[in-house]
Amino acid sequence: ISYKICTRSGNEEQFKDMVKRCNNVGVRIYVDAVVNHMCGAAGGSGTH
């Protein structure tokens, strides 16, 4: 719906904390980037 960092995995602050803590112990983070499309054409409208 947008490129805001906000999903059921957590918010942006939690994401930043994860990246920092993992990098600090030498474990890298790779993001699954969904950039070919947005939601389905039948997704309706609103704030869901």
All heavy atoms as atom14 arrays in JSON, in Angstrom:
{
  "sequence": "ISYKICTRSGNEEQFKDMVKRCNNVGVRIYVDAVVNHMCGAAGGSGTH",
  "atom14_mask": [
    [1, 1, 1, 1, 1, 1, 1, 1, 0, 0, 0, 0, 0, 0],
    [1, 1, 1, 1, 1, 1, 0, 0, 0, 0, 0, 0, 0, 0],
    [1, 1, 1, 1, 1, 1, 1, 1, 1, 1, 1, 1, 0, 0],
    [1, 1, 1, 1, 1, 1, 1, 1, 1, 0, 0, 0, 0, 0],
    [1, 1, 1, 1, 1, 1, 1, 1, 0, 0, 0, 0, 0, 0],
    [1, 1, 1, 1, 1, 1, 0, 0, 0, 0, 0, 0, 0, 0],
    [1, 1, 1, 1, 1, 1, 1, 0, 0, 0, 0, 0, 0, 0],
    [1, 1, 1, 1, 1, 1, 1, 1, 1, 1, 1, 0, 0, 0],
    [1, 1, 1, 1, 1, 1, 0, 0, 0, 0, 0, 0, 0, 0],
    [1, 1, 1, 1, 0, 0, 0, 0, 0, 0, 0, 0, 0, 0],
    [1, 1, 1, 1, 1, 1, 1, 1, 0, 0, 0, 0, 0, 0],
    [1, 1, 1, 1, 1, 1, 1, 1, 1, 0, 0, 0, 0, 0],
    [1, 1, 1, 1, 1, 1, 1, 1, 1, 0, 0, 0, 0, 0],
    [1, 1, 1, 1, 1, 1, 1, 1, 1, 0, 0, 0, 0, 0],
    [1, 1, 1, 1, 1, 1, 1, 1, 1, 1, 1, 0, 0, 0],
    [1, 1, 1, 1, 1, 1, 1, 1, 1, 0, 0, 0, 0, 0],
    [1, 1, 1, 1, 1, 1, 1, 1, 0, 0, 0, 0, 0, 0],
    [1, 1, 1, 1, 1, 1, 1, 1, 0, 0, 0, 0, 0, 0],
    [1, 1, 1, 1, 1, 1, 1, 0, 0, 0, 0, 0, 0, 0],
    [1, 1, 1, 1, 1, 1, 1, 1, 1, 0, 0, 0, 0, 0],
    [1, 1, 1, 1, 1, 1, 1, 1, 1, 1, 1, 0, 0, 0],
    [1, 1, 1, 1, 1, 1, 0, 0, 0, 0, 0, 0, 0, 0],
    [1, 1, 1, 1, 1, 1, 1, 1, 0, 0, 0, 0, 0, 0],
    [1, 1, 1, 1, 1, 1, 1, 1, 0, 0, 0, 0, 0, 0],
    [1, 1, 1, 1, 1, 1, 1, 0, 0, 0, 0, 0, 0, 0],
    [1, 1, 1, 1, 0, 0, 0, 0, 0, 0, 0, 0, 0, 0],
    [1, 1, 1, 1, 1, 1, 1, 0, 0, 0, 0, 0, 0, 0],
    [1, 1, 1, 1, 1, 1, 1, 1, 1, 1, 1, 0, 0, 0],
    [1, 1, 1, 1, 1, 1, 1, 1, 0, 0, 0, 0, 0, 0],
    [1, 1, 1, 1, 1, 1, 1, 1, 1, 1, 1, 1, 0, 0],
    [1, 1, 1, 1, 1, 1, 1, 0, 0, 0, 0, 0, 0, 0],
    [1, 1, 1, 1, 1, 1, 1, 1, 0, 0, 0, 0, 0, 0],
    [1, 1, 1, 1, 1, 0, 0, 0, 0, 0, 0, 0, 0, 0],
    [1, 1, 1, 1, 1, 1, 1, 0, 0, 0, 0, 0, 0, 0],
    [1, 1, 1, 1, 1, 1, 1, 0, 0, 0, 0, 0, 0, 0],
    [1, 1, 1, 1, 1, 1, 1, 1, 0, 0, 0, 0, 0, 0],
    [1, 1, 1, 1, 1, 1, 1, 1, 1, 1, 0, 0, 0, 0],
    [1, 1, 1, 1, 1, 1, 1, 1, 0, 0, 0, 0, 0, 0],
    [1, 1, 1, 1, 1, 1, 0, 0, 0, 0, 0, 0, 0, 0],
    [1, 1, 1, 1, 0, 0, 0, 0, 0, 0, 0, 0, 0, 0],
    [1, 1, 1, 1, 1, 0, 0, 0, 0, 0, 0, 0, 0, 0],
    [1, 1, 1, 1, 1, 0, 0, 0, 0, 0, 0, 0, 0, 0],
    [1, 1, 1, 1, 0, 0, 0, 0, 0, 0, 0, 0, 0, 0],
    [1, 1, 1, 1, 0, 0, 0, 0, 0, 0, 0, 0, 0, 0],
    [1, 1, 1, 1, 1, 1, 0, 0, 0, 0, 0, 0, 0, 0],
    [1, 1, 1, 1, 0, 0, 0, 0, 0, 0, 0, 0, 0, 0],
    [1, 1, 1, 1, 1, 1, 1, 0, 0, 0, 0, 0, 0, 0],
    [1, 1, 1, 1, 1, 1, 1, 1, 1, 1, 0, 0, 0, 0]
  ],
  "atom14_positions": [
    [[0.84, -1.19, 0.0], [0.0, 0.0, 0.0], [0.88, 1.25, 0.0], [0.55, 2.26, -0.6], [-0.95, 0.01, 1.22], [-1.94, -1.15, 1.11], [-1.67, 1.35, 1.37], [-2.82, -1.12, -0.13], [0.0, 0.0, 0.0], [0.0, 0.0, 0.0], [0.0, 0.0, 0.0], [0.0, 0.0, 0.0], [0.0, 0.0, 0.0], [0.0, 0.0, 0.0]],
    [[2.01, 1.16, 0.69], [2.96, 2.27, 0.72], [4.33, 1.7, 1.03], [4.5, 0.48, 1.18], [2.57, 3.31, 1.77], [2.97, 2.89, 3.07], [0.0, 0.0, 0.0], [0.0, 0.0, 0.0], [0.0, 0.0, 0.0], [0.0, 0.0, 0.0], [0.0, 0.0, 0.0], [0.0, 0.0, 0.0], [0.0, 0.0, 0.0], [0.0, 0.0, 0.0]],
    [[5.31, 2.59, 1.16], [6.67, 2.18, 1.52], [7.0, 2.55, 2.96], [8.17, 2.57, 3.35], [7.68, 2.79, 0.55], [7.47, 2.32, -0.88], [7.48, 3.23, -1.93], [7.26, 0.98, -1.17], [7.29, 2.81, -3.25], [7.06, 0.55, -2.47], [7.08, 1.46, -3.51], [6.88, 1.03, -4.8], [0.0, 0.0, 0.0], [0.0, 0.0, 0.0]],
    [[5.97, 2.8, 3.77], [6.18, 2.98, 5.21], [6.6, 1.66, 5.84], [6.12, 0.59, 5.44], [4.9, 3.48, 5.88], [4.42, 4.85, 5.42], [3.11, 5.2, 6.12], [2.58, 6.55, 5.65], [1.28, 6.87, 6.28], [0.0, 0.0, 0.0], [0.0, 0.0, 0.0], [0.0, 0.0, 0.0], [0.0, 0.0, 0.0], [0.0, 0.0, 0.0]],
    [[7.48, 1.71, 6.83], [7.95, 0.48, 7.5], [6.97, 0.18, 8.63], [7.09, 0.68, 9.75], [9.39, 0.66, 8.04], [10.29, 1.22, 6.95], [9.92, -0.67, 8.56], [10.35, 0.4, 5.69], [0.0, 0.0, 0.0], [0.0, 0.0, 0.0], [0.0, 0.0, 0.0], [0.0, 0.0, 0.0], [0.0, 0.0, 0.0], [0.0, 0.0, 0.0]],
    [[6.0, -0.67, 8.31], [4.91, -0.89, 9.26], [4.13, -2.12, 8.82], [3.31, -2.05, 7.92], [4.01, 0.34, 9.28], [2.63, 0.25, 10.42], [0.0, 0.0, 0.0], [0.0, 0.0, 0.0], [0.0, 0.0, 0.0], [0.0, 0.0, 0.0], [0.0, 0.0, 0.0], [0.0, 0.0, 0.0], [0.0, 0.0, 0.0], [0.0, 0.0, 0.0]],
    [[4.38, -3.28, 9.47], [3.7, -4.53, 9.13], [3.43, -5.3, 10.42], [3.75, -4.85, 11.51], [4.59, -5.41, 8.22], [5.75, -5.82, 8.97], [5.04, -4.69, 6.96], [0.0, 0.0, 0.0], [0.0, 0.0, 0.0], [0.0, 0.0, 0.0], [0.0, 0.0, 0.0], [0.0, 0.0, 0.0], [0.0, 0.0, 0.0], [0.0, 0.0, 0.0]],
    [[2.89, -6.5, 10.26], [2.65, -7.32, 11.45], [3.95, -7.85, 12.05], [3.94, -8.43, 13.13], [1.68, -8.45, 11.15], [2.14, -9.45, 10.09], [1.02, -10.47, 9.85], [1.27, -11.29, 8.67], [0.32, -11.95, 8.02], [-0.93, -11.88, 8.44], [0.6, -12.68, 6.96], [0.0, 0.0, 0.0], [0.0, 0.0, 0.0], [0.0, 0.0, 0.0]],
    [[5.07, -7.66, 11.36], [6.36, -8.0, 11.95], [6.87, -6.93, 12.91], [7.76, -7.18, 13.71], [7.43, -8.24, 10.87], [7.18, -9.46, 10.19], [0.0, 0.0, 0.0], [0.0, 0.0, 0.0], [0.0, 0.0, 0.0], [0.0, 0.0, 0.0], [0.0, 0.0, 0.0], [0.0, 0.0, 0.0], [0.0, 0.0, 0.0], [0.0, 0.0, 0.0]],
    [[6.3, -5.71, 12.79], [6.72, -4.63, 13.68], [6.77, -3.29, 12.99], [6.58, -3.18, 11.77], [0.0, 0.0, 0.0], [0.0, 0.0, 0.0], [0.0, 0.0, 0.0], [0.0, 0.0, 0.0], [0.0, 0.0, 0.0], [0.0, 0.0, 0.0], [0.0, 0.0, 0.0], [0.0, 0.0, 0.0], [0.0, 0.0, 0.0], [0.0, 0.0, 0.0]],
    [[7.05, -2.26, 13.76], [7.11, -0.9, 13.22], [8.55, -0.52, 12.87], [9.48, -1.33, 13.0], [6.51, 0.09, 14.22], [7.22, 0.08, 15.57], [8.43, -0.15, 15.65], [6.48, 0.32, 16.64], [0.0, 0.0, 0.0], [0.0, 0.0, 0.0], [0.0, 0.0, 0.0], [0.0, 0.0, 0.0], [0.0, 0.0, 0.0], [0.0, 0.0, 0.0]],
    [[8.73, 0.73, 12.45], [10.05, 1.14, 11.98], [11.09, 1.14, 13.08], [12.25, 0.76, 12.85], [9.98, 2.53, 11.33], [11.33, 3.0, 10.79], [11.23, 4.13, 9.8], [10.15, 4.34, 9.21], [12.26, 4.82, 9.6], [0.0, 0.0, 0.0], [0.0, 0.0, 0.0], [0.0, 0.0, 0.0], [0.0, 0.0, 0.0], [0.0, 0.0, 0.0]],
    [[10.73, 1.55, 14.27], [11.69, 1.55, 15.38], [12.14, 0.14, 15.71], [13.33, -0.1, 15.98], [11.1, 2.24, 16.6], [10.94, 3.74, 16.45], [12.23, 4.42, 16.0], [13.28, 4.19, 16.66], [12.22, 5.17, 15.0], [0.0, 0.0, 0.0], [0.0, 0.0, 0.0], [0.0, 0.0, 0.0], [0.0, 0.0, 0.0], [0.0, 0.0, 0.0]],
    [[11.23, -0.81, 15.69], [11.6, -2.21, 15.94], [12.46, -2.74, 14.8], [13.38, -3.53, 15.03], [10.33, -3.04, 16.11], [9.58, -2.73, 17.39], [8.17, -3.31, 17.39], [7.5, -3.4, 16.36], [7.71, -3.71, 18.58], [0.0, 0.0, 0.0], [0.0, 0.0, 0.0], [0.0, 0.0, 0.0], [0.0, 0.0, 0.0], [0.0, 0.0, 0.0]],
    [[12.16, -2.32, 13.57], [12.99, -2.73, 12.43], [14.41, -2.19, 12.58], [15.39, -2.93, 12.38], [12.35, -2.24, 11.13], [13.08, -2.68, 9.89], [12.83, -3.91, 9.32], [14.03, -1.85, 9.29], [13.51, -4.32, 8.18], [14.71, -2.25, 8.15], [14.45, -3.49, 7.6], [0.0, 0.0, 0.0], [0.0, 0.0, 0.0], [0.0, 0.0, 0.0]],
    [[14.53, -0.92, 12.93], [15.86, -0.33, 13.12], [16.64, -1.03, 14.22], [17.84, -1.28, 14.09], [15.72, 1.15, 13.44], [15.29, 2.03, 12.28], [15.15, 3.49, 12.72], [14.79, 4.4, 11.57], [14.6, 5.8, 12.01], [0.0, 0.0, 0.0], [0.0, 0.0, 0.0], [0.0, 0.0, 0.0], [0.0, 0.0, 0.0], [0.0, 0.0, 0.0]],
    [[15.95, -1.36, 15.3], [16.61, -2.05, 16.41], [17.11, -3.42, 15.97], [18.23, -3.82, 16.32], [15.62, -2.19, 17.57], [16.23, -2.9, 18.77], [17.17, -2.34, 19.39], [15.78, -4.02, 19.09], [0.0, 0.0, 0.0], [0.0, 0.0, 0.0], [0.0, 0.0, 0.0], [0.0, 0.0, 0.0], [0.0, 0.0, 0.0], [0.0, 0.0, 0.0]],
    [[16.31, -4.13, 15.2], [16.73, -5.44, 14.68], [17.97, -5.31, 13.8], [18.94, -6.07, 13.97], [15.59, -6.06, 13.87], [15.98, -7.31, 13.1], [14.77, -7.77, 11.83], [14.95, -6.43, 10.65], [0.0, 0.0, 0.0], [0.0, 0.0, 0.0], [0.0, 0.0, 0.0], [0.0, 0.0, 0.0], [0.0, 0.0, 0.0], [0.0, 0.0, 0.0]],
    [[17.95, -4.38, 12.87], [19.08, -4.22, 11.95], [20.35, -3.89, 12.73], [21.42, -4.45, 12.47], [18.78, -3.13, 10.91], [20.02, -2.82, 10.07], [17.63, -3.56, 10.0], [0.0, 0.0, 0.0], [0.0, 0.0, 0.0], [0.0, 0.0, 0.0], [0.0, 0.0, 0.0], [0.0, 0.0, 0.0], [0.0, 0.0, 0.0], [0.0, 0.0, 0.0]],
    [[20.24, -2.99, 13.68], [21.39, -2.61, 14.49], [21.94, -3.78, 15.29], [23.15, -4.05, 15.27], [21.0, -1.47, 15.44], [22.11, -1.02, 16.37], [21.64, 0.1, 17.29], [22.75, 0.53, 18.26], [22.27, 1.62, 19.15], [0.0, 0.0, 0.0], [0.0, 0.0, 0.0], [0.0, 0.0, 0.0], [0.0, 0.0, 0.0], [0.0, 0.0, 0.0]],
    [[21.06, -4.5, 15.97], [21.51, -5.61, 16.82], [22.1, -6.74, 16.0], [23.11, -7.35, 16.39], [20.35, -6.08, 17.7], [19.98, -5.07, 18.78], [18.65, -5.4, 19.43], [18.66, -6.7, 20.1], [17.58, -7.22, 20.71], [16.42, -6.54, 20.68], [17.66, -8.4, 21.3], [0.0, 0.0, 0.0], [0.0, 0.0, 0.0], [0.0, 0.0, 0.0]],
    [[21.5, -7.04, 14.86], [22.04, -8.11, 14.01], [23.38, -7.71, 13.41], [24.34, -8.49, 13.43], [21.04, -8.48, 12.93], [19.56, -9.33, 13.54], [0.0, 0.0, 0.0], [0.0, 0.0, 0.0], [0.0, 0.0, 0.0], [0.0, 0.0, 0.0], [0.0, 0.0, 0.0], [0.0, 0.0, 0.0], [0.0, 0.0, 0.0], [0.0, 0.0, 0.0]],
    [[23.47, -6.49, 12.89], [24.75, -6.03, 12.35], [25.85, -6.0, 13.4], [27.02, -6.31, 13.11], [24.59, -4.63, 11.75], [24.16, -4.65, 10.3], [24.48, -5.58, 9.56], [23.43, -3.63, 9.89], [0.0, 0.0, 0.0], [0.0, 0.0, 0.0], [0.0, 0.0, 0.0], [0.0, 0.0, 0.0], [0.0, 0.0, 0.0], [0.0, 0.0, 0.0]],
    [[25.49, -5.65, 14.62], [26.5, -5.56, 15.69], [27.12, -6.92, 16.02], [28.22, -6.97, 16.57], [25.89, -4.95, 16.95], [25.73, -3.44, 16.84], [26.28, -2.81, 15.94], [24.97, -2.86, 17.75], [0.0, 0.0, 0.0], [0.0, 0.0, 0.0], [0.0, 0.0, 0.0], [0.0, 0.0, 0.0], [0.0, 0.0, 0.0], [0.0, 0.0, 0.0]],
    [[26.42, -8.01, 15.7], [27.0, -9.34, 15.92], [27.38, -10.0, 14.6], [27.59, -11.21, 14.53], [26.05, -10.25, 16.73], [25.89, -9.72, 18.16], [24.68, -10.41, 16.05], [0.0, 0.0, 0.0], [0.0, 0.0, 0.0], [0.0, 0.0, 0.0], [0.0, 0.0, 0.0], [0.0, 0.0, 0.0], [0.0, 0.0, 0.0], [0.0, 0.0, 0.0]],
    [[27.44, -9.2, 13.53], [27.94, -9.7, 12.25], [26.95, -10.51, 11.44], [27.35, -11.29, 10.57], [0.0, 0.0, 0.0], [0.0, 0.0, 0.0], [0.0, 0.0, 0.0], [0.0, 0.0, 0.0], [0.0, 0.0, 0.0], [0.0, 0.0, 0.0], [0.0, 0.0, 0.0], [0.0, 0.0, 0.0], [0.0, 0.0, 0.0], [0.0, 0.0, 0.0]],
    [[25.65, -10.34, 11.69], [24.62, -11.02, 10.91], [23.91, -9.96, 10.07], [23.35, -9.01, 10.6], [23.61, -11.76, 11.81], [22.55, -12.45, 10.96], [24.33, -12.79, 12.69], [0.0, 0.0, 0.0], [0.0, 0.0, 0.0], [0.0, 0.0, 0.0], [0.0, 0.0, 0.0], [0.0, 0.0, 0.0], [0.0, 0.0, 0.0], [0.0, 0.0, 0.0]],
    [[23.93, -10.13, 8.76], [23.4, -9.13, 7.84], [21.9, -9.33, 7.59], [21.37, -10.44, 7.7], [24.15, -9.16, 6.52], [25.66, -9.03, 6.64], [26.06, -7.88, 7.54], [27.5, -7.64, 7.57], [28.11, -6.97, 8.51], [27.42, -6.48, 9.55], [29.42, -6.77, 8.47], [0.0, 0.0, 0.0], [0.0, 0.0, 0.0], [0.0, 0.0, 0.0]],
    [[21.23, -8.24, 7.21], [19.8, -8.26, 6.93], [19.57, -7.98, 5.45], [20.08, -7.0, 4.9], [19.05, -7.22, 7.78], [19.2, -7.53, 9.28], [17.57, -7.17, 7.4], [18.6, -8.85, 9.72], [0.0, 0.0, 0.0], [0.0, 0.0, 0.0], [0.0, 0.0, 0.0], [0.0, 0.0, 0.0], [0.0, 0.0, 0.0], [0.0, 0.0, 0.0]],
    [[18.77, -8.86, 4.81], [18.39, -8.7, 3.4], [16.87, -8.57, 3.34], [16.14, -9.43, 3.85], [18.85, -9.9, 2.57], [20.31, -10.25, 2.81], [20.66, -11.32, 3.62], [21.33, -9.47, 2.27], [21.98, -11.63, 3.87], [22.65, -9.77, 2.52], [22.98, -10.85, 3.32], [24.3, -11.14, 3.57], [0.0, 0.0, 0.0], [0.0, 0.0, 0.0]],
    [[16.41, -7.51, 2.71], [14.98, -7.22, 2.65], [14.36, -7.81, 1.39], [14.92, -7.68, 0.3], [14.76, -5.69, 2.7], [13.35, -5.33, 2.23], [15.01, -5.16, 4.11], [0.0, 0.0, 0.0], [0.0, 0.0, 0.0], [0.0, 0.0, 0.0], [0.0, 0.0, 0.0], [0.0, 0.0, 0.0], [0.0, 0.0, 0.0], [0.0, 0.0, 0.0]],
    [[13.22, -8.44, 1.56], [12.43, -8.9, 0.43], [11.7, -7.68, -0.13], [10.74, -7.18, 0.47], [11.43, -9.96, 0.91], [10.83, -10.78, -0.21], [10.99, -10.37, -1.38], [10.2, -11.81, 0.07], [0.0, 0.0, 0.0], [0.0, 0.0, 0.0], [0.0, 0.0, 0.0], [0.0, 0.0, 0.0], [0.0, 0.0, 0.0], [0.0, 0.0, 0.0]],
    [[12.17, -7.17, -1.26], [11.68, -5.91, -1.81], [10.59, -6.17, -2.84], [10.84, -6.75, -3.91], [12.83, -5.13, -2.44], [0.0, 0.0, 0.0], [0.0, 0.0, 0.0], [0.0, 0.0, 0.0], [0.0, 0.0, 0.0], [0.0, 0.0, 0.0], [0.0, 0.0, 0.0], [0.0, 0.0, 0.0], [0.0, 0.0, 0.0], [0.0, 0.0, 0.0]],
    [[9.36, -5.74, -2.53], [8.22, -5.91, -3.43], [8.0, -4.58, -4.15], [7.36, -3.67, -3.62], [6.96, -6.34, -2.65], [5.81, -6.61, -3.61], [7.25, -7.57, -1.8], [0.0, 0.0, 0.0], [0.0, 0.0, 0.0], [0.0, 0.0, 0.0], [0.0, 0.0, 0.0], [0.0, 0.0, 0.0], [0.0, 0.0, 0.0], [0.0, 0.0, 0.0]],
    [[8.55, -4.47, -5.35], [8.54, -3.19, -6.07], [8.01, -3.31, -7.49], [7.98, -2.32, -8.23], [9.95, -2.55, -6.09], [10.41, -2.23, -4.67], [10.98, -3.47, -6.76], [0.0, 0.0, 0.0], [0.0, 0.0, 0.0], [0.0, 0.0, 0.0], [0.0, 0.0, 0.0], [0.0, 0.0, 0.0], [0.0, 0.0, 0.0], [0.0, 0.0, 0.0]],
    [[7.58, -4.51, -7.89], [6.99, -4.69, -9.21], [5.57, -4.15, -9.29], [5.1, -3.76, -10.35], [6.98, -6.18, -9.56], [6.19, -6.5, -10.82], [6.57, -6.11, -11.92], [5.06, -7.18, -10.66], [0.0, 0.0, 0.0], [0.0, 0.0, 0.0], [0.0, 0.0, 0.0], [0.0, 0.0, 0.0], [0.0, 0.0, 0.0], [0.0, 0.0, 0.0]],
    [[4.88, -4.1, -8.15], [3.45, -3.84, -8.16], [3.0, -3.26, -6.83], [3.77, -3.22, -5.86], [2.7, -5.15, -8.44], [3.08, -6.25, -7.48], [3.99, -7.23, -7.8], [2.7, -6.51, -6.19], [4.16, -8.05, -6.77], [3.38, -7.63, -5.78], [0.0, 0.0, 0.0], [0.0, 0.0, 0.0], [0.0, 0.0, 0.0], [0.0, 0.0, 0.0]],
    [[1.74, -2.87, -6.77], [1.08, -2.53, -5.51], [0.05, -3.62, -5.23], [0.22, -4.75, -5.7], [0.47, -1.13, -5.61], [1.5, -0.02, -5.86], [2.79, 0.1, -4.59], [1.9, 0.99, -3.3], [0.0, 0.0, 0.0], [0.0, 0.0, 0.0], [0.0, 0.0, 0.0], [0.0, 0.0, 0.0], [0.0, 0.0, 0.0], [0.0, 0.0, 0.0]],
    [[-1.0, -3.33, -4.49], [-1.96, -4.37, -4.13], [-2.78, -4.79, -5.35], [-2.62, -4.26, -6.45], [-2.86, -3.89, -3.0], [-4.1, -2.67, -3.52], [0.0, 0.0, 0.0], [0.0, 0.0, 0.0], [0.0, 0.0, 0.0], [0.0, 0.0, 0.0], [0.0, 0.0, 0.0], [0.0, 0.0, 0.0], [0.0, 0.0, 0.0], [0.0, 0.0, 0.0]],
    [[-3.68, -5.74, -5.15], [-4.5, -6.22, -6.25], [-5.52, -5.2, -6.7], [-5.98, -4.35, -5.93], [0.0, 0.0, 0.0], [0.0, 0.0, 0.0], [0.0, 0.0, 0.0], [0.0, 0.0, 0.0], [0.0, 0.0, 0.0], [0.0, 0.0, 0.0], [0.0, 0.0, 0.0], [0.0, 0.0, 0.0], [0.0, 0.0, 0.0], [0.0, 0.0, 0.0]],
    [[-5.89, -5.28, -7.98], [-6.86, -4.35, -8.55], [-8.21, -4.46, -7.84], [-8.98, -3.5, -7.83], [-7.03, -4.63, -10.04], [0.0, 0.0, 0.0], [0.0, 0.0, 0.0], [0.0, 0.0, 0.0], [0.0, 0.0, 0.0], [0.0, 0.0, 0.0], [0.0, 0.0, 0.0], [0.0, 0.0, 0.0], [0.0, 0.0, 0.0], [0.0, 0.0, 0.0]],
    [[-8.48, -5.6, -7.22], [-9.74, -5.8, -6.51], [-9.62, -5.49, -5.03], [-10.48, -5.88, -4.23], [-10.22, -7.24, -6.7], [0.0, 0.0, 0.0], [0.0, 0.0, 0.0], [0.0, 0.0, 0.0], [0.0, 0.0, 0.0], [0.0, 0.0, 0.0], [0.0, 0.0, 0.0], [0.0, 0.0, 0.0], [0.0, 0.0, 0.0], [0.0, 0.0, 0.0]],
    [[-8.58, -4.77, -4.67], [-8.32, -4.5, -3.25], [-9.24, -3.48, -2.62], [-9.18, -3.27, -1.4], [0.0, 0.0, 0.0], [0.0, 0.0, 0.0], [0.0, 0.0, 0.0], [0.0, 0.0, 0.0], [0.0, 0.0, 0.0], [0.0, 0.0, 0.0], [0.0, 0.0, 0.0], [0.0, 0.0, 0.0], [0.0, 0.0, 0.0], [0.0, 0.0, 0.0]],
    [[-10.09, -2.85, -3.42], [-11.04, -1.9, -2.87], [-10.39, -0.59, -2.47], [-9.37, -0.18, -3.03], [0.0, 0.0, 0.0], [0.0, 0.0, 0.0], [0.0, 0.0, 0.0], [0.0, 0.0, 0.0], [0.0, 0.0, 0.0], [0.0, 0.0, 0.0], [0.0, 0.0, 0.0], [0.0, 0.0, 0.0], [0.0, 0.0, 0.0], [0.0, 0.0, 0.0]],
    [[-10.98, 0.07, -1.5], [-10.45, 1.34, -1.04], [-10.68, 1.46, 0.45], [-11.44, 0.68, 1.05], [-11.13, 2.5, -1.77], [-12.52, 2.52, -1.47], [0.0, 0.0, 0.0], [0.0, 0.0, 0.0], [0.0, 0.0, 0.0], [0.0, 0.0, 0.0], [0.0, 0.0, 0.0], [0.0, 0.0, 0.0], [0.0, 0.0, 0.0], [0.0, 0.0, 0.0]],
    [[-10.02, 2.43, 1.06], [-10.19, 2.65, 2.49], [-8.87, 2.71, 3.2], [-7.85, 3.14, 2.62], [0.0, 0.0, 0.0], [0.0, 0.0, 0.0], [0.0, 0.0, 0.0], [0.0, 0.0, 0.0], [0.0, 0.0, 0.0], [0.0, 0.0, 0.0], [0.0, 0.0, 0.0], [0.0, 0.0, 0.0], [0.0, 0.0, 0.0], [0.0, 0.0, 0.0]],
    [[-8.86, 2.28, 4.45], [-7.64, 2.31, 5.27], [-7.34, 0.94, 5.86], [-6.67, 0.84, 6.89], [-7.8, 3.35, 6.4], [-8.95, 3.01, 7.19], [-7.95, 4.76, 5.84], [0.0, 0.0, 0.0], [0.0, 0.0, 0.0], [0.0, 0.0, 0.0], [0.0, 0.0, 0.0], [0.0, 0.0, 0.0], [0.0, 0.0, 0.0], [0.0, 0.0, 0.0]],
    [[-7.83, -0.13, 5.23], [-7.57, -1.47, 5.74], [-6.16, -1.91, 5.31], [-5.97, -2.75, 4.44], [-8.63, -2.48, 5.28], [-8.93, -2.48, 3.83], [-9.59, -1.46, 3.2], [-8.68, -3.41, 2.86], [-9.73, -1.74, 1.91], [-9.17, -2.92, 1.69], [0.0, 0.0, 0.0], [0.0, 0.0, 0.0], [0.0, 0.0, 0.0], [0.0, 0.0, 0.0]]
  ]
}
